[in-house]
């Protein structure tokens, strides 16, 4: 679980989010699209 958390935080930082909590909230607005965009899977 710690590895997945670190991966998620690093992807948010790479996408330009300085505030991780705000980045997580932004990703949760559209849970089926934005996380996939962040991982470049769409």
PDB file of N, CA and C in Angstrom:
ATOM      1  N   UNK A   1       0.820  -1.184   0.000  1.00  0.00           N
ATOM      2  CA  UNK A   1       0.000   0.000   0.000  1.00  0.00           C
ATOM      3  C   UNK A   1       0.870   1.256   0.000  1.00  0.00           C
ATOM      4  N   UNK A   2       1.961   1.209   0.725  1.00  0.00           N
ATOM      5  CA  UNK A   2       2.849   2.370   0.776  1.00  0.00           C
ATOM      6  C   UNK A   2       3.450   2.644  -0.596  1.00  0.00           C
ATOM      7  N   UNK A   3       3.734   1.595  -1.335  1.00  0.00           N
ATOM      8  CA  UNK A   3       4.288   1.761  -2.674  1.00  0.00           C
ATOM      9  C   UNK A   3       3.276   2.427  -3.601  1.00  0.00           C
ATOM     10  N   UNK A   4       2.026   2.013  -3.512  1.00  0.00           N
ATOM     11  CA  UNK A   4       0.976   2.620  -4.337  1.00  0.00           C
ATOM     12  C   UNK A   4       0.762   4.081  -3.971  1.00  0.00           C
ATOM     13  N   UNK A   5       0.817   4.376  -2.671  1.00  0.00           N
ATOM     14  CA  UNK A   5       0.663   5.770  -2.225  1.00  0.00           C
ATOM     15  C   UNK A   5       1.808   6.628  -2.754  1.00  0.00           C
ATOM     16  N   UNK A   6       3.030   6.125  -2.668  1.00  0.00           N
ATOM     17  CA  UNK A   6       4.187   6.863  -3.174  1.00  0.00           C
ATOM     18  C   UNK A   6       4.085   7.072  -4.675  1.00  0.00           C
ATOM     19  N   UNK A   7       3.633   6.049  -5.385  1.00  0.00           N
ATOM     20  CA  UNK A   7       3.458   6.158  -6.829  1.00  0.00           C
ATOM     21  C   UNK A   7       2.439   7.251  -7.163  1.00  0.00           C
ATOM     22  N   UNK A   8       1.312   7.249  -6.443  1.00  0.00           N
ATOM     23  CA  UNK A   8       0.274   8.249  -6.695  1.00  0.00           C
ATOM     24  C   UNK A   8       0.780   9.657  -6.397  1.00  0.00           C
ATOM     25  N   UNK A   9       1.488   9.825  -5.307  1.00  0.00           N
ATOM     26  CA  UNK A   9       2.024  11.145  -4.956  1.00  0.00           C
ATOM     27  C   UNK A   9       3.030  11.603  -5.999  1.00  0.00           C
ATOM     28  N   UNK A  10       3.893  10.710  -6.442  1.00  0.00           N
ATOM     29  CA  UNK A  10       4.880  11.079  -7.459  1.00  0.00           C
ATOM     30  C   UNK A  10       4.225  11.444  -8.784  1.00  0.00           C
ATOM     31  N   UNK A  11       3.169  10.741  -9.159  1.00  0.00           N
ATOM     32  CA  UNK A  11       2.458  11.077 -10.405  1.00  0.00           C
ATOM     33  C   UNK A  11       1.779  12.440 -10.286  1.00  0.00           C
ATOM     34  N   UNK A  12       1.218  12.748  -9.124  1.00  0.00           N
ATOM     35  CA  UNK A  12       0.602  14.060  -8.923  1.00  0.00           C
ATOM     36  C   UNK A  12       1.653  15.163  -9.004  1.00  0.00           C
ATOM     37  N   UNK A  13       2.796  14.945  -8.394  1.00  0.00           N
ATOM     38  CA  UNK A  13       3.867  15.940  -8.454  1.00  0.00           C
ATOM     39  C   UNK A  13       4.369  16.115  -9.882  1.00  0.00           C
ATOM     40  N   UNK A  14       4.504  15.020 -10.611  1.00  0.00           N
ATOM     41  CA  UNK A  14       4.962  15.097 -12.000  1.00  0.00           C
ATOM     42  C   UNK A  14       3.962  15.853 -12.872  1.00  0.00           C
ATOM     43  N   UNK A  15       2.694  15.803 -12.494  1.00  0.00           N
ATOM     44  CA  UNK A  15       1.661  16.512 -13.243  1.00  0.00           C
ATOM     45  C   UNK A  15       1.579  17.985 -12.848  1.00  0.00           C
ATOM     46  N   UNK A  16       2.403  18.403 -11.883  1.00  0.00           N
ATOM     47  CA  UNK A  16       2.449  19.813 -11.524  1.00  0.00           C
ATOM     48  C   UNK A  16       1.655  20.214 -10.296  1.00  0.00           C
ATOM     49  N   UNK A  17       1.169  19.260  -9.535  1.00  0.00           N
ATOM     50  CA  UNK A  17       0.412  19.576  -8.320  1.00  0.00           C
ATOM     51  C   UNK A  17       1.392  19.765  -7.167  1.00  0.00           C
ATOM     52  N   UNK A  18       1.482  20.992  -6.657  1.00  0.00           N
ATOM     53  CA  UNK A  18       2.353  21.263  -5.518  1.00  0.00           C
ATOM     54  C   UNK A  18       1.688  20.817  -4.218  1.00  0.00           C
ATOM     55  N   UNK A  19       0.371  20.938  -4.149  1.00  0.00           N
ATOM     56  CA  UNK A  19      -0.386  20.553  -2.968  1.00  0.00           C
ATOM     57  C   UNK A  19      -1.040  19.202  -3.256  1.00  0.00           C
ATOM     58  N   UNK A  20      -0.570  18.162  -2.600  1.00  0.00           N
ATOM     59  CA  UNK A  20      -1.045  16.794  -2.880  1.00  0.00           C
ATOM     60  C   UNK A  20      -2.520  16.638  -2.507  1.00  0.00           C
ATOM     61  N   UNK A  21      -2.941  17.203  -1.385  1.00  0.00           N
ATOM     62  CA  UNK A  21      -4.350  17.090  -0.981  1.00  0.00           C
ATOM     63  C   UNK A  21      -5.262  17.723  -2.016  1.00  0.00           C
ATOM     64  N   UNK A  22      -4.891  18.883  -2.520  1.00  0.00           N
ATOM     65  CA  UNK A  22      -5.696  19.539  -3.548  1.00  0.00           C
ATOM     66  C   UNK A  22      -5.685  18.726  -4.836  1.00  0.00           C
ATOM     67  N   UNK A  23      -4.562  18.128  -5.163  1.00  0.00           N
ATOM     68  CA  UNK A  23      -4.476  17.289  -6.354  1.00  0.00           C
ATOM     69  C   UNK A  23      -5.368  16.069  -6.249  1.00  0.00           C
ATOM     70  N   UNK A  24      -5.407  15.446  -5.074  1.00  0.00           N
ATOM     71  CA  UNK A  24      -6.282  14.290  -4.869  1.00  0.00           C
ATOM     72  C   UNK A  24      -7.752  14.680  -4.979  1.00  0.00           C
ATOM     73  N   UNK A  25      -8.089  15.845  -4.419  1.00  0.00           N
ATOM     74  CA  UNK A  25      -9.479  16.311  -4.537  1.00  0.00           C
ATOM     75  C   UNK A  25      -9.837  16.561  -5.993  1.00  0.00           C
ATOM     76  N   UNK A  26      -8.937  17.170  -6.734  1.00  0.00           N
ATOM     77  CA  UNK A  26      -9.204  17.441  -8.146  1.00  0.00           C
ATOM     78  C   UNK A  26      -9.393  16.145  -8.928  1.00  0.00           C
ATOM     79  N   UNK A  27      -8.582  15.135  -8.630  1.00  0.00           N
ATOM     80  CA  UNK A  27      -8.709  13.851  -9.323  1.00  0.00           C
ATOM     81  C   UNK A  27     -10.023  13.164  -8.982  1.00  0.00           C
ATOM     82  N   UNK A  28     -10.554  13.411  -7.792  1.00  0.00           N
ATOM     83  CA  UNK A  28     -11.790  12.734  -7.383  1.00  0.00           C
ATOM     84  C   UNK A  28     -13.043  13.354  -8.000  1.00  0.00           C
ATOM     85  N   UNK A  29     -12.927  14.519  -8.628  1.00  0.00           N
ATOM     86  CA  UNK A  29     -14.099  15.147  -9.237  1.00  0.00           C
ATOM     87  C   UNK A  29     -14.667  14.294 -10.369  1.00  0.00           C
ATOM     88  N   UNK A  30     -13.809  13.678 -11.140  1.00  0.00           N
ATOM     89  CA  UNK A  30     -14.234  12.778 -12.222  1.00  0.00           C
ATOM     90  C   UNK A  30     -13.438  11.489 -12.082  1.00  0.00           C
ATOM     91  N   UNK A  31     -13.866  10.595 -11.188  1.00  0.00           N
ATOM     92  CA  UNK A  31     -13.042   9.443 -10.822  1.00  0.00           C
ATOM     93  C   UNK A  31     -12.775   8.432 -11.943  1.00  0.00           C
ATOM     94  N   UNK A  32     -13.554   8.461 -13.013  1.00  0.00           N
ATOM     95  CA  UNK A  32     -13.334   7.481 -14.080  1.00  0.00           C
ATOM     96  C   UNK A  32     -12.570   8.054 -15.262  1.00  0.00           C
ATOM     97  N   UNK A  33     -12.206   9.348 -15.208  1.00  0.00           N
ATOM     98  CA  UNK A  33     -11.478   9.944 -16.316  1.00  0.00           C
ATOM     99  C   UNK A  33     -10.150  10.533 -15.870  1.00  0.00           C
ATOM    100  N   UNK A  34     -10.168  11.368 -14.860  1.00  0.00           N
ATOM    101  CA  UNK A  34      -8.949  12.101 -14.479  1.00  0.00           C
ATOM    102  C   UNK A  34      -7.797  11.211 -14.017  1.00  0.00           C
ATOM    103  N   UNK A  35      -8.019  10.197 -13.179  1.00  0.00           N
ATOM    104  CA  UNK A  35      -6.872   9.358 -12.803  1.00  0.00           C
ATOM    105  C   UNK A  35      -6.246   8.659 -14.009  1.00  0.00           C
ATOM    106  N   UNK A  36      -7.067   8.268 -14.974  1.00  0.00           N
ATOM    107  CA  UNK A  36      -6.521   7.638 -16.180  1.00  0.00           C
ATOM    108  C   UNK A  36      -5.738   8.623 -17.011  1.00  0.00           C
ATOM    109  N   UNK A  37      -6.194   9.880 -17.045  1.00  0.00           N
ATOM    110  CA  UNK A  37      -5.436  10.924 -17.733  1.00  0.00           C
ATOM    111  C   UNK A  37      -4.093  11.154 -17.064  1.00  0.00           C
ATOM    112  N   UNK A  38      -4.089  11.139 -15.742  1.00  0.00           N
ATOM    113  CA  UNK A  38      -2.864  11.343 -14.986  1.00  0.00           C
ATOM    114  C   UNK A  38      -1.849  10.250 -15.294  1.00  0.00           C
ATOM    115  N   UNK A  39      -2.324   9.040 -15.468  1.00  0.00           N
ATOM    116  CA  UNK A  39      -1.434   7.917 -15.780  1.00  0.00           C
ATOM    117  C   UNK A  39      -1.176   7.780 -17.271  1.00  0.00           C
ATOM    118  N   UNK A  40      -1.751   8.663 -18.065  1.00  0.00           N
ATOM    119  CA  UNK A  40      -1.616   8.648 -19.517  1.00  0.00           C
ATOM    120  C   UNK A  40      -2.114   7.336 -20.120  1.00  0.00           C
ATOM    121  N   UNK A  41      -3.255   6.880 -19.622  1.00  0.00           N
ATOM    122  CA  UNK A  41      -3.855   5.636 -20.117  1.00  0.00           C
ATOM    123  C   UNK A  41      -5.053   5.875 -21.031  1.00  0.00           C
ATOM    124  N   UNK A  42      -5.370   7.143 -21.288  1.00  0.00           N
ATOM    125  CA  UNK A  42      -6.503   7.412 -22.173  1.00  0.00           C
ATOM    126  C   UNK A  42      -6.043   8.086 -23.432  1.00  0.00           C
TER     127      UNK A  42
END
